[in-house]
């Protein structure tokens, strides 16, 4: 059982998670997002995002994913699954291992799938 948190901050992943949660993040200077930014106020700076080390923040994301999938199930035939359902299993397994790094990665993988599916 690993509870060690990596010392590297997964900036891209945390920003994607924040966006999924409906939060805005000030763009990082020197990025293409910074060049497009018009100076509007945002909810967070990237360094304030602690999804990679704070179970409380991360579990709110997991709950939102779970609730969204439950809502989607109401519109699907019985006994069917999507790739998102399988990715949620990865989240549950990582949580059961008490491994925040794996949980963070599994949640990011779900959000990547969700964003792709939403566009398609």
PDB file of N, CA and C in Angstrom:
ATOM      1  N   UNK A   1       0.848  -1.170   0.000  1.00  0.00           N
ATOM      2  CA  UNK A   1       0.000   0.000   0.000  1.00  0.00           C
ATOM      3  C   UNK A   1       0.890   1.228   0.000  1.00  0.00           C
ATOM      4  N   UNK A   2       0.731   2.051  -1.031  1.00  0.00           N
ATOM      5  CA  UNK A   2       1.568   3.236  -1.168  1.00  0.00           C
ATOM      6  C   UNK A   2       0.761   4.492  -0.891  1.00  0.00           C
ATOM      7  N   UNK A   3       1.249   5.325   0.016  1.00  0.00           N
ATOM      8  CA  UNK A   3       0.581   6.596   0.287  1.00  0.00           C
ATOM      9  C   UNK A   3       1.518   7.751  -0.019  1.00  0.00           C
ATOM     10  N   UNK A   4       2.677   7.442  -0.555  1.00  0.00           N
ATOM     11  CA  UNK A   4       3.643   8.493  -0.869  1.00  0.00           C
ATOM     12  C   UNK A   4       3.164   9.324  -2.058  1.00  0.00           C
ATOM     13  N   UNK A   5       3.304  10.621  -1.941  1.00  0.00           N
ATOM     14  CA  UNK A   5       2.911  11.538  -3.009  1.00  0.00           C
ATOM     15  C   UNK A   5       4.162  11.979  -3.749  1.00  0.00           C
ATOM     16  N   UNK A   6       4.079  11.981  -5.062  1.00  0.00           N
ATOM     17  CA  UNK A   6       5.214  12.412  -5.855  1.00  0.00           C
ATOM     18  C   UNK A   6       5.529  13.875  -5.577  1.00  0.00           C
ATOM     19  N   UNK A   7       6.780  14.235  -5.661  1.00  0.00           N
ATOM     20  CA  UNK A   7       7.192  15.619  -5.426  1.00  0.00           C
ATOM     21  C   UNK A   7       6.938  16.490  -6.654  1.00  0.00           C
ATOM     22  N   UNK A   8       6.772  15.866  -7.803  1.00  0.00           N
ATOM     23  CA  UNK A   8       6.475  16.626  -9.011  1.00  0.00           C
ATOM     24  C   UNK A   8       4.988  16.977  -9.023  1.00  0.00           C
ATOM     25  N   UNK A   9       4.691  18.194  -9.395  1.00  0.00           N
ATOM     26  CA  UNK A   9       3.294  18.630  -9.442  1.00  0.00           C
ATOM     27  C   UNK A   9       2.756  18.380 -10.854  1.00  0.00           C
ATOM     28  N   UNK A  10       1.709  17.572 -10.964  1.00  0.00           N
ATOM     29  CA  UNK A  10       1.114  17.292 -12.283  1.00  0.00           C
ATOM     30  C   UNK A  10       0.196  18.446 -12.714  1.00  0.00           C
ATOM     31  N   UNK A  11       0.801  19.489 -13.218  1.00  0.00           N
ATOM     32  CA  UNK A  11       0.083  20.722 -13.527  1.00  0.00           C
ATOM     33  C   UNK A  11      -1.021  20.491 -14.559  1.00  0.00           C
ATOM     34  N   UNK A  12      -0.666  19.888 -15.679  1.00  0.00           N
ATOM     35  CA  UNK A  12      -1.641  19.670 -16.762  1.00  0.00           C
ATOM     36  C   UNK A  12      -2.834  18.857 -16.257  1.00  0.00           C
ATOM     37  N   UNK A  13      -2.569  17.816 -15.506  1.00  0.00           N
ATOM     38  CA  UNK A  13      -3.622  16.963 -14.996  1.00  0.00           C
ATOM     39  C   UNK A  13      -4.514  17.714 -14.009  1.00  0.00           C
ATOM     40  N   UNK A  14      -3.895  18.475 -13.095  1.00  0.00           N
ATOM     41  CA  UNK A  14      -4.678  19.227 -12.119  1.00  0.00           C
ATOM     42  C   UNK A  14      -5.551  20.288 -12.784  1.00  0.00           C
ATOM     43  N   UNK A  15      -5.038  20.923 -13.817  1.00  0.00           N
ATOM     44  CA  UNK A  15      -5.828  21.929 -14.539  1.00  0.00           C
ATOM     45  C   UNK A  15      -7.013  21.265 -15.240  1.00  0.00           C
ATOM     46  N   UNK A  16      -6.796  20.088 -15.832  1.00  0.00           N
ATOM     47  CA  UNK A  16      -7.893  19.364 -16.485  1.00  0.00           C
ATOM     48  C   UNK A  16      -8.956  18.959 -15.465  1.00  0.00           C
ATOM     49  N   UNK A  17      -8.523  18.518 -14.289  1.00  0.00           N
ATOM     50  CA  UNK A  17      -9.459  18.134 -13.240  1.00  0.00           C
ATOM     51  C   UNK A  17     -10.250  19.356 -12.778  1.00  0.00           C
ATOM     52  N   UNK A  18      -9.571  20.477 -12.579  1.00  0.00           N
ATOM     53  CA  UNK A  18     -10.251  21.705 -12.160  1.00  0.00           C
ATOM     54  C   UNK A  18     -11.302  22.114 -13.191  1.00  0.00           C
ATOM     55  N   UNK A  19     -10.960  22.018 -14.471  1.00  0.00           N
ATOM     56  CA  UNK A  19     -11.915  22.369 -15.535  1.00  0.00           C
ATOM     57  C   UNK A  19     -13.133  21.443 -15.485  1.00  0.00           C
ATOM     58  N   UNK A  20     -12.899  20.161 -15.277  1.00  0.00           N
ATOM     59  CA  UNK A  20     -13.997  19.192 -15.151  1.00  0.00           C
ATOM     60  C   UNK A  20     -14.920  19.575 -14.002  1.00  0.00           C
ATOM     61  N   UNK A  21     -14.335  20.116 -12.947  1.00  0.00           N
ATOM     62  CA  UNK A  21     -15.104  20.521 -11.772  1.00  0.00           C
ATOM     63  C   UNK A  21     -15.739  21.905 -11.959  1.00  0.00           C
ATOM     64  N   UNK A  22     -15.555  22.503 -13.133  1.00  0.00           N
ATOM     65  CA  UNK A  22     -16.159  23.793 -13.420  1.00  0.00           C
ATOM     66  C   UNK A  22     -15.367  24.979 -12.894  1.00  0.00           C
ATOM     67  N   UNK A  23     -14.117  24.754 -12.549  1.00  0.00           N
ATOM     68  CA  UNK A  23     -13.258  25.819 -12.032  1.00  0.00           C
ATOM     69  C   UNK A  23     -12.368  26.361 -13.144  1.00  0.00           C
ATOM     70  N   UNK A  24     -12.018  27.624 -13.033  1.00  0.00           N
ATOM     71  CA  UNK A  24     -11.086  28.223 -13.984  1.00  0.00           C
ATOM     72  C   UNK A  24      -9.744  28.429 -13.293  1.00  0.00           C
ATOM     73  N   UNK A  25      -8.689  28.343 -14.080  1.00  0.00           N
ATOM     74  CA  UNK A  25      -7.330  28.450 -13.554  1.00  0.00           C
ATOM     75  C   UNK A  25      -6.588  29.509 -14.358  1.00  0.00           C
ATOM     76  N   UNK A  26      -5.891  30.399 -13.641  1.00  0.00           N
ATOM     77  CA  UNK A  26      -5.084  31.395 -14.346  1.00  0.00           C
ATOM     78  C   UNK A  26      -4.068  30.668 -15.217  1.00  0.00           C
ATOM     79  N   UNK A  27      -3.912  31.083 -16.470  1.00  0.00           N
ATOM     80  CA  UNK A  27      -2.958  30.410 -17.361  1.00  0.00           C
ATOM     81  C   UNK A  27      -1.517  30.664 -16.926  1.00  0.00           C
ATOM     82  N   UNK A  28      -0.668  29.722 -17.252  1.00  0.00           N
ATOM     83  CA  UNK A  28       0.752  29.814 -16.908  1.00  0.00           C
ATOM     84  C   UNK A  28       1.454  30.694 -17.937  1.00  0.00           C
ATOM     85  N   UNK A  29       2.214  31.648 -17.438  1.00  0.00           N
ATOM     86  CA  UNK A  29       2.927  32.591 -18.309  1.00  0.00           C
ATOM     87  C   UNK A  29       3.803  31.831 -19.303  1.00  0.00           C
ATOM     88  N   UNK A  30       3.744  32.270 -20.565  1.00  0.00           N
ATOM     89  CA  UNK A  30       4.547  31.650 -21.612  1.00  0.00           C
ATOM     90  C   UNK A  30       3.830  30.544 -22.375  1.00  0.00           C
ATOM     91  N   UNK A  31       2.618  30.162 -21.953  1.00  0.00           N
ATOM     92  CA  UNK A  31       1.875  29.122 -22.657  1.00  0.00           C
ATOM     93  C   UNK A  31       0.937  29.747 -23.690  1.00  0.00           C
ATOM     94  N   UNK A  32       0.432  28.917 -24.592  1.00  0.00           N
ATOM     95  CA  UNK A  32      -0.508  29.431 -25.598  1.00  0.00           C
ATOM     96  C   UNK A  32      -1.791  29.908 -24.930  1.00  0.00           C
ATOM     97  N   UNK A  33      -2.178  29.272 -23.810  1.00  0.00           N
ATOM     98  CA  UNK A  33      -3.359  29.724 -23.079  1.00  0.00           C
ATOM     99  C   UNK A  33      -3.144  31.124 -22.516  1.00  0.00           C
ATOM    100  N   UNK A  34      -1.922  31.402 -22.063  1.00  0.00           N
ATOM    101  CA  UNK A  34      -1.602  32.722 -21.514  1.00  0.00           C
ATOM    102  C   UNK A  34      -1.706  33.790 -22.600  1.00  0.00           C
ATOM    103  N   UNK A  35      -1.253  33.439 -23.811  1.00  0.00           N
ATOM    104  CA  UNK A  35      -1.300  34.393 -24.926  1.00  0.00           C
ATOM    105  C   UNK A  35      -2.744  34.719 -25.313  1.00  0.00           C
ATOM    106  N   UNK A  36      -3.666  33.754 -25.152  1.00  0.00           N
ATOM    107  CA  UNK A  36      -5.076  33.967 -25.496  1.00  0.00           C
ATOM    108  C   UNK A  36      -5.852  34.647 -24.366  1.00  0.00           C
ATOM    109  N   UNK A  37      -5.295  34.611 -23.176  1.00  0.00           N
ATOM    110  CA  UNK A  37      -5.999  35.100 -21.988  1.00  0.00           C
ATOM    111  C   UNK A  37      -6.227  36.600 -22.078  1.00  0.00           C
ATOM    112  N   UNK A  38      -7.417  37.026 -21.725  1.00  0.00           N
ATOM    113  CA  UNK A  38      -7.784  38.434 -21.816  1.00  0.00           C
ATOM    114  C   UNK A  38      -7.805  39.128 -20.453  1.00  0.00           C
ATOM    115  N   UNK A  39      -7.222  38.504 -19.438  1.00  0.00           N
ATOM    116  CA  UNK A  39      -7.109  39.121 -18.124  1.00  0.00           C
ATOM    117  C   UNK A  39      -8.298  38.915 -17.214  1.00  0.00           C
ATOM    118  N   UNK A  40      -9.237  38.048 -17.621  1.00  0.00           N
ATOM    119  CA  UNK A  40     -10.400  37.822 -16.777  1.00  0.00           C
ATOM    120  C   UNK A  40     -10.004  37.080 -15.492  1.00  0.00           C
ATOM    121  N   UNK A  41     -10.791  37.288 -14.466  1.00  0.00           N
ATOM    122  CA  UNK A  41     -10.525  36.647 -13.181  1.00  0.00           C
ATOM    123  C   UNK A  41     -10.774  35.146 -13.268  1.00  0.00           C
ATOM    124  N   UNK A  42     -10.005  34.387 -12.530  1.00  0.00           N
ATOM    125  CA  UNK A  42     -10.133  32.933 -12.486  1.00  0.00           C
ATOM    126  C   UNK A  42     -10.296  32.491 -11.033  1.00  0.00           C
ATOM    127  N   UNK A  43     -10.664  31.229 -10.852  1.00  0.00           N
ATOM    128  CA  UNK A  43     -10.878  30.696  -9.508  1.00  0.00           C
ATOM    129  C   UNK A  43      -9.571  30.371  -8.780  1.00  0.00           C
ATOM    130  N   UNK A  44      -8.569  29.865  -9.516  1.00  0.00           N
ATOM    131  CA  UNK A  44      -7.347  29.368  -8.890  1.00  0.00           C
ATOM    132  C   UNK A  44      -6.109  29.705  -9.714  1.00  0.00           C
ATOM    133  N   UNK A  45      -4.973  29.686  -9.040  1.00  0.00           N
ATOM    134  CA  UNK A  45      -3.672  29.626  -9.708  1.00  0.00           C
ATOM    135  C   UNK A  45      -3.305  28.148  -9.757  1.00  0.00           C
ATOM    136  N   UNK A  46      -2.525  27.734 -10.737  1.00  0.00           N
ATOM    137  CA  UNK A  46      -2.194  26.317 -10.893  1.00  0.00           C
ATOM    138  C   UNK A  46      -1.559  25.747  -9.628  1.00  0.00           C
ATOM    139  N   UNK A  47      -0.789  26.562  -8.909  1.00  0.00           N
ATOM    140  CA  UNK A  47      -0.088  26.046  -7.733  1.00  0.00           C
ATOM    141  C   UNK A  47      -1.015  25.878  -6.525  1.00  0.00           C
ATOM    142  N   UNK A  48      -2.249  26.365  -6.623  1.00  0.00           N
ATOM    143  CA  UNK A  48      -3.230  26.164  -5.553  1.00  0.00           C
ATOM    144  C   UNK A  48      -3.964  24.828  -5.684  1.00  0.00           C
ATOM    145  N   UNK A  49      -3.861  24.189  -6.837  1.00  0.00           N
ATOM    146  CA  UNK A  49      -4.565  22.937  -7.082  1.00  0.00           C
ATOM    147  C   UNK A  49      -3.813  21.793  -6.419  1.00  0.00           C
ATOM    148  N   UNK A  50      -4.491  21.075  -5.555  1.00  0.00           N
ATOM    149  CA  UNK A  50      -3.849  20.018  -4.763  1.00  0.00           C
ATOM    150  C   UNK A  50      -4.491  18.647  -4.987  1.00  0.00           C
ATOM    151  N   UNK A  51      -5.114  18.467  -6.141  1.00  0.00           N
ATOM    152  CA  UNK A  51      -5.790  17.194  -6.404  1.00  0.00           C
ATOM    153  C   UNK A  51      -4.838  16.006  -6.275  1.00  0.00           C
ATOM    154  N   UNK A  52      -3.583  16.208  -6.568  1.00  0.00           N
ATOM    155  CA  UNK A  52      -2.604  15.128  -6.546  1.00  0.00           C
ATOM    156  C   UNK A  52      -2.160  14.749  -5.135  1.00  0.00           C
ATOM    157  N   UNK A  53      -2.539  15.540  -4.113  1.00  0.00           N
ATOM    158  CA  UNK A  53      -2.083  15.244  -2.757  1.00  0.00           C
ATOM    159  C   UNK A  53      -3.152  15.423  -1.683  1.00  0.00           C
ATOM    160  N   UNK A  54      -4.353  15.806  -2.074  1.00  0.00           N
ATOM    161  CA  UNK A  54      -5.414  16.067  -1.110  1.00  0.00           C
ATOM    162  C   UNK A  54      -6.608  15.161  -1.397  1.00  0.00           C
ATOM    163  N   UNK A  55      -6.776  14.129  -0.562  1.00  0.00           N
ATOM    164  CA  UNK A  55      -7.880  13.199  -0.752  1.00  0.00           C
ATOM    165  C   UNK A  55      -9.221  13.911  -0.739  1.00  0.00           C
ATOM    166  N   UNK A  56      -9.375  14.933   0.091  1.00  0.00           N
ATOM    167  CA  UNK A  56     -10.657  15.641   0.172  1.00  0.00           C
ATOM    168  C   UNK A  56     -11.023  16.261  -1.170  1.00  0.00           C
ATOM    169  N   UNK A  57     -10.072  16.931  -1.825  1.00  0.00           N
ATOM    170  CA  UNK A  57     -10.341  17.516  -3.138  1.00  0.00           C
ATOM    171  C   UNK A  57     -10.603  16.430  -4.173  1.00  0.00           C
ATOM    172  N   UNK A  58      -9.791  15.374  -4.143  1.00  0.00           N
ATOM    173  CA  UNK A  58      -9.882  14.323  -5.158  1.00  0.00           C
ATOM    174  C   UNK A  58     -11.183  13.531  -5.044  1.00  0.00           C
ATOM    175  N   UNK A  59     -11.655  13.289  -3.826  1.00  0.00           N
ATOM    176  CA  UNK A  59     -12.882  12.515  -3.654  1.00  0.00           C
ATOM    177  C   UNK A  59     -14.109  13.269  -4.162  1.00  0.00           C
ATOM    178  N   UNK A  60     -14.073  14.592  -4.106  1.00  0.00           N
ATOM    179  CA  UNK A  60     -15.176  15.368  -4.697  1.00  0.00           C
ATOM    180  C   UNK A  60     -15.252  15.130  -6.201  1.00  0.00           C
ATOM    181  N   UNK A  61     -14.103  14.977  -6.838  1.00  0.00           N
ATOM    182  CA  UNK A  61     -14.063  14.703  -8.281  1.00  0.00           C
ATOM    183  C   UNK A  61     -14.584  13.294  -8.548  1.00  0.00           C
ATOM    184  N   UNK A  62     -14.125  12.330  -7.743  1.00  0.00           N
ATOM    185  CA  UNK A  62     -14.600  10.955  -7.890  1.00  0.00           C
ATOM    186  C   UNK A  62     -16.106  10.861  -7.732  1.00  0.00           C
ATOM    187  N   UNK A  63     -16.658  11.597  -6.792  1.00  0.00           N
ATOM    188  CA  UNK A  63     -18.104  11.610  -6.567  1.00  0.00           C
ATOM    189  C   UNK A  63     -18.837  12.206  -7.768  1.00  0.00           C
ATOM    190  N   UNK A  64     -18.285  13.268  -8.339  1.00  0.00           N
ATOM    191  CA  UNK A  64     -18.911  13.866  -9.519  1.00  0.00           C
ATOM    192  C   UNK A  64     -18.908  12.873 -10.688  1.00  0.00           C
ATOM    193  N   UNK A  65     -17.809  12.166 -10.866  1.00  0.00           N
ATOM    194  CA  UNK A  65     -17.728  11.151 -11.926  1.00  0.00           C
ATOM    195  C   UNK A  65     -18.773  10.062 -11.685  1.00  0.00           C
ATOM    196  N   UNK A  66     -18.829   9.565 -10.454  1.00  0.00           N
ATOM    197  CA  UNK A  66     -19.794   8.523 -10.109  1.00  0.00           C
ATOM    198  C   UNK A  66     -21.224   8.994 -10.384  1.00  0.00           C
ATOM    199  N   UNK A  67     -21.564  10.195  -9.923  1.00  0.00           N
ATOM    200  CA  UNK A  67     -22.915  10.734 -10.129  1.00  0.00           C
ATOM    201  C   UNK A  67     -23.236  10.889 -11.617  1.00  0.00           C
ATOM    202  N   UNK A  68     -22.272  11.362 -12.391  1.00  0.00           N
ATOM    203  CA  UNK A  68     -22.487  11.536 -13.831  1.00  0.00           C
ATOM    204  C   UNK A  68     -22.751  10.183 -14.495  1.00  0.00           C
ATOM    205  N   UNK A  69     -21.955   9.173 -14.137  1.00  0.00           N
ATOM    206  CA  UNK A  69     -22.147   7.850 -14.730  1.00  0.00           C
ATOM    207  C   UNK A  69     -23.493   7.250 -14.325  1.00  0.00           C
ATOM    208  N   UNK A  70     -23.903   7.461 -13.085  1.00  0.00           N
ATOM    209  CA  UNK A  70     -25.212   6.966 -12.638  1.00  0.00           C
ATOM    210  C   UNK A  70     -26.335   7.604 -13.447  1.00  0.00           C
ATOM    211  N   UNK A  71     -26.208   8.878 -13.706  1.00  0.00           N
ATOM    212  CA  UNK A  71     -27.210   9.588 -14.507  1.00  0.00           C
ATOM    213  C   UNK A  71     -27.231   9.046 -15.944  1.00  0.00           C
ATOM    214  N   UNK A  72     -26.062   8.759 -16.495  1.00  0.00           N
ATOM    215  CA  UNK A  72     -25.975   8.228 -17.859  1.00  0.00           C
ATOM    216  C   UNK A  72     -26.612   6.842 -17.956  1.00  0.00           C
ATOM    217  N   UNK A  73     -26.499   6.061 -16.883  1.00  0.00           N
ATOM    218  CA  UNK A  73     -27.067   4.703 -16.888  1.00  0.00           C
ATOM    219  C   UNK A  73     -28.579   4.721 -17.086  1.00  0.00           C
ATOM    220  N   UNK A  74     -29.222   5.784 -16.656  1.00  0.00           N
ATOM    221  CA  UNK A  74     -30.676   5.881 -16.806  1.00  0.00           C
ATOM    222  C   UNK A  74     -31.083   5.929 -18.269  1.00  0.00           C
ATOM    223  N   UNK A  75     -30.176   6.331 -19.151  1.00  0.00           N
ATOM    224  CA  UNK A  75     -30.476   6.494 -20.571  1.00  0.00           C
ATOM    225  C   UNK A  75     -29.922   5.371 -21.431  1.00  0.00           C
ATOM    226  N   UNK A  76     -29.391   4.321 -20.792  1.00  0.00           N
ATOM    227  CA  UNK A  76     -28.804   3.207 -21.544  1.00  0.00           C
ATOM    228  C   UNK A  76     -29.608   1.936 -21.318  1.00  0.00           C
ATOM    229  N   UNK A  77     -29.528   1.025 -22.288  1.00  0.00           N
ATOM    230  CA  UNK A  77     -30.177  -0.273 -22.074  1.00  0.00           C
ATOM    231  C   UNK A  77     -29.546  -0.991 -20.876  1.00  0.00           C
ATOM    232  N   UNK A  78     -30.323  -1.837 -20.253  1.00  0.00           N
ATOM    233  CA  UNK A  78     -29.825  -2.602 -19.106  1.00  0.00           C
ATOM    234  C   UNK A  78     -28.628  -3.458 -19.499  1.00  0.00           C
ATOM    235  N   UNK A  79     -27.739  -3.647 -18.557  1.00  0.00           N
ATOM    236  CA  UNK A  79     -26.573  -4.522 -18.714  1.00  0.00           C
ATOM    237  C   UNK A  79     -25.615  -4.070 -19.813  1.00  0.00           C
ATOM    238  N   UNK A  80     -25.480  -2.776 -19.980  1.00  0.00           N
ATOM    239  CA  UNK A  80     -24.508  -2.249 -20.933  1.00  0.00           C
ATOM    240  C   UNK A  80     -23.486  -1.415 -20.168  1.00  0.00           C
ATOM    241  N   UNK A  81     -22.330  -1.253 -20.767  1.00  0.00           N
ATOM    242  CA  UNK A  81     -21.268  -0.462 -20.140  1.00  0.00           C
ATOM    243  C   UNK A  81     -20.572   0.364 -21.218  1.00  0.00           C
ATOM    244  N   UNK A  82     -19.969   1.447 -20.773  1.00  0.00           N
ATOM    245  CA  UNK A  82     -19.179   2.272 -21.674  1.00  0.00           C
ATOM    246  C   UNK A  82     -17.725   2.206 -21.222  1.00  0.00           C
ATOM    247  N   UNK A  83     -16.868   2.771 -22.013  1.00  0.00           N
ATOM    248  CA  UNK A  83     -15.465   2.859 -21.625  1.00  0.00           C
ATOM    249  C   UNK A  83     -15.325   3.664 -20.329  1.00  0.00           C
ATOM    250  N   UNK A  84     -16.191   4.649 -20.157  1.00  0.00           N
ATOM    251  CA  UNK A  84     -16.181   5.440 -18.929  1.00  0.00           C
ATOM    252  C   UNK A  84     -16.451   4.596 -17.695  1.00  0.00           C
ATOM    253  N   UNK A  85     -17.347   3.623 -17.825  1.00  0.00           N
ATOM    254  CA  UNK A  85     -17.623   2.721 -16.699  1.00  0.00           C
ATOM    255  C   UNK A  85     -16.378   1.925 -16.329  1.00  0.00           C
ATOM    256  N   UNK A  86     -15.659   1.479 -17.336  1.00  0.00           N
ATOM    257  CA  UNK A  86     -14.429   0.722 -17.079  1.00  0.00           C
ATOM    258  C   UNK A  86     -13.367   1.608 -16.426  1.00  0.00           C
ATOM    259  N   UNK A  87     -13.292   2.852 -16.864  1.00  0.00           N
ATOM    260  CA  UNK A  87     -12.333   3.770 -16.252  1.00  0.00           C
ATOM    261  C   UNK A  87     -12.701   4.061 -14.801  1.00  0.00           C
ATOM    262  N   UNK A  88     -13.998   4.068 -14.500  1.00  0.00           N
ATOM    263  CA  UNK A  88     -14.417   4.272 -13.116  1.00  0.00           C
ATOM    264  C   UNK A  88     -13.972   3.097 -12.243  1.00  0.00           C
ATOM    265  N   UNK A  89     -13.950   1.898 -12.788  1.00  0.00           N
ATOM    266  CA  UNK A  89     -13.459   0.737 -12.049  1.00  0.00           C
ATOM    267  C   UNK A  89     -11.990   0.968 -11.652  1.00  0.00           C
ATOM    268  N   UNK A  90     -11.210   1.532 -12.559  1.00  0.00           N
ATOM    269  CA  UNK A  90      -9.812   1.857 -12.237  1.00  0.00           C
ATOM    270  C   UNK A  90      -9.734   2.830 -11.068  1.00  0.00           C
ATOM    271  N   UNK A  91     -10.644   3.789 -11.041  1.00  0.00           N
ATOM    272  CA  UNK A  91     -10.671   4.759  -9.935  1.00  0.00           C
ATOM    273  C   UNK A  91     -10.964   4.033  -8.628  1.00  0.00           C
ATOM    274  N   UNK A  92     -11.980   3.184  -8.633  1.00  0.00           N
ATOM    275  CA  UNK A  92     -12.337   2.454  -7.412  1.00  0.00           C
ATOM    276  C   UNK A  92     -11.194   1.568  -6.927  1.00  0.00           C
ATOM    277  N   UNK A  93     -10.529   0.891  -7.841  1.00  0.00           N
ATOM    278  CA  UNK A  93      -9.409   0.027  -7.454  1.00  0.00           C
ATOM    279  C   UNK A  93      -8.284   0.843  -6.819  1.00  0.00           C
ATOM    280  N   UNK A  94      -7.974   1.990  -7.405  1.00  0.00           N
ATOM    281  CA  UNK A  94      -6.906   2.843  -6.859  1.00  0.00           C
ATOM    282  C   UNK A  94      -7.280   3.361  -5.476  1.00  0.00           C
ATOM    283  N   UNK A  95      -8.554   3.708  -5.288  1.00  0.00           N
ATOM    284  CA  UNK A  95      -9.003   4.172  -3.973  1.00  0.00           C
ATOM    285  C   UNK A  95      -8.877   3.046  -2.954  1.00  0.00           C
ATOM    286  N   UNK A  96      -9.277   1.842  -3.335  1.00  0.00           N
ATOM    287  CA  UNK A  96      -9.185   0.699  -2.409  1.00  0.00           C
ATOM    288  C   UNK A  96      -7.749   0.389  -2.027  1.00  0.00           C
ATOM    289  N   UNK A  97      -6.805   0.759  -2.872  1.00  0.00           N
ATOM    290  CA  UNK A  97      -5.388   0.569  -2.559  1.00  0.00           C
ATOM    291  C   UNK A  97      -4.841   1.726  -1.720  1.00  0.00           C
ATOM    292  N   UNK A  98      -5.670   2.725  -1.464  1.00  0.00           N
ATOM    293  CA  UNK A  98      -5.256   3.932  -0.725  1.00  0.00           C
ATOM    294  C   UNK A  98      -4.052   4.592  -1.388  1.00  0.00           C
ATOM    295  N   UNK A  99      -4.078   4.613  -2.707  1.00  0.00           N
ATOM    296  CA  UNK A  99      -2.958   5.160  -3.477  1.00  0.00           C
ATOM    297  C   UNK A  99      -3.432   6.417  -4.200  1.00  0.00           C
ATOM    298  N   UNK A 100      -3.091   7.567  -3.647  1.00  0.00           N
ATOM    299  CA  UNK A 100      -3.584   8.827  -4.202  1.00  0.00           C
ATOM    300  C   UNK A 100      -3.007   9.099  -5.592  1.00  0.00           C
ATOM    301  N   UNK A 101      -1.770   8.680  -5.815  1.00  0.00           N
ATOM    302  CA  UNK A 101      -1.152   8.895  -7.125  1.00  0.00           C
ATOM    303  C   UNK A 101      -1.898   8.108  -8.208  1.00  0.00           C
ATOM    304  N   UNK A 102      -2.214   6.847  -7.931  1.00  0.00           N
ATOM    305  CA  UNK A 102      -2.971   6.024  -8.886  1.00  0.00           C
ATOM    306  C   UNK A 102      -4.390   6.563  -9.066  1.00  0.00           C
ATOM    307  N   UNK A 103      -4.996   7.009  -7.969  1.00  0.00           N
ATOM    308  CA  UNK A 103      -6.350   7.542  -8.040  1.00  0.00           C
ATOM    309  C   UNK A 103      -6.373   8.801  -8.890  1.00  0.00           C
ATOM    310  N   UNK A 104      -5.410   9.668  -8.673  1.00  0.00           N
ATOM    311  CA  UNK A 104      -5.297  10.908  -9.445  1.00  0.00           C
ATOM    312  C   UNK A 104      -5.158  10.584 -10.934  1.00  0.00           C
ATOM    313  N   UNK A 105      -4.300   9.631 -11.243  1.00  0.00           N
ATOM    314  CA  UNK A 105      -4.085   9.248 -12.647  1.00  0.00           C
ATOM    315  C   UNK A 105      -5.352   8.641 -13.245  1.00  0.00           C
ATOM    316  N   UNK A 106      -6.044   7.796 -12.497  1.00  0.00           N
ATOM    317  CA  UNK A 106      -7.269   7.166 -12.994  1.00  0.00           C
ATOM    318  C   UNK A 106      -8.354   8.218 -13.241  1.00  0.00           C
ATOM    319  N   UNK A 107      -8.448   9.188 -12.351  1.00  0.00           N
ATOM    320  CA  UNK A 107      -9.423  10.266 -12.529  1.00  0.00           C
ATOM    321  C   UNK A 107      -9.060  11.103 -13.753  1.00  0.00           C
ATOM    322  N   UNK A 108      -7.788  11.409 -13.917  1.00  0.00           N
ATOM    323  CA  UNK A 108      -7.362  12.165 -15.100  1.00  0.00           C
ATOM    324  C   UNK A 108      -7.673  11.377 -16.378  1.00  0.00           C
ATOM    325  N   UNK A 109      -7.426  10.068 -16.372  1.00  0.00           N
ATOM    326  CA  UNK A 109      -7.731   9.242 -17.542  1.00  0.00           C
ATOM    327  C   UNK A 109      -9.226   9.277 -17.860  1.00  0.00           C
ATOM    328  N   UNK A 110     -10.066   9.225 -16.827  1.00  0.00           N
ATOM    329  CA  UNK A 110     -11.507   9.318 -17.061  1.00  0.00           C
ATOM    330  C   UNK A 110     -11.855  10.663 -17.688  1.00  0.00           C
ATOM    331  N   UNK A 111     -11.305  11.742 -17.142  1.00  0.00           N
ATOM    332  CA  UNK A 111     -11.622  13.086 -17.644  1.00  0.00           C
ATOM    333  C   UNK A 111     -11.155  13.247 -19.090  1.00  0.00           C
ATOM    334  N   UNK A 112     -10.014  12.677 -19.421  1.00  0.00           N
ATOM    335  CA  UNK A 112      -9.539  12.703 -20.810  1.00  0.00           C
ATOM    336  C   UNK A 112     -10.533  12.001 -21.715  1.00  0.00           C
ATOM    337  N   UNK A 113     -11.000  10.823 -21.302  1.00  0.00           N
ATOM    338  CA  UNK A 113     -12.016  10.089 -22.067  1.00  0.00           C
ATOM    339  C   UNK A 113     -13.294  10.913 -22.157  1.00  0.00           C
ATOM    340  N   UNK A 114     -13.742  11.466 -21.046  1.00  0.00           N
ATOM    341  CA  UNK A 114     -14.977  12.246 -20.987  1.00  0.00           C
ATOM    342  C   UNK A 114     -14.917  13.430 -21.959  1.00  0.00           C
ATOM    343  N   UNK A 115     -13.808  14.147 -21.953  1.00  0.00           N
ATOM    344  CA  UNK A 115     -13.671  15.300 -22.845  1.00  0.00           C
ATOM    345  C   UNK A 115     -13.688  14.876 -24.310  1.00  0.00           C
ATOM    346  N   UNK A 116     -13.058  13.750 -24.620  1.00  0.00           N
ATOM    347  CA  UNK A 116     -13.041  13.235 -25.993  1.00  0.00           C
ATOM    348  C   UNK A 116     -14.432  12.781 -26.408  1.00  0.00           C
ATOM    349  N   UNK A 117     -15.118  12.055 -25.519  1.00  0.00           N
ATOM    350  CA  UNK A 117     -16.461  11.561 -25.817  1.00  0.00           C
ATOM    351  C   UNK A 117     -17.452  12.706 -25.976  1.00  0.00           C
ATOM    352  N   UNK A 118     -17.282  13.745 -25.188  1.00  0.00           N
ATOM    353  CA  UNK A 118     -18.173  14.903 -25.232  1.00  0.00           C
ATOM    354  C   UNK A 118     -18.051  15.630 -26.580  1.00  0.00           C
ATOM    355  N   UNK A 119     -16.846  15.628 -27.141  1.00  0.00           N
ATOM    356  CA  UNK A 119     -16.609  16.299 -28.424  1.00  0.00           C
ATOM    357  C   UNK A 119     -17.132  15.484 -29.594  1.00  0.00           C
ATOM    358  N   UNK A 120     -17.150  14.163 -29.435  1.00  0.00           N
ATOM    359  CA  UNK A 120     -17.504  13.267 -30.534  1.00  0.00           C
ATOM    360  C   UNK A 120     -18.910  13.019 -30.643  1.00  0.00           C
TER     361      UNK A 120
END
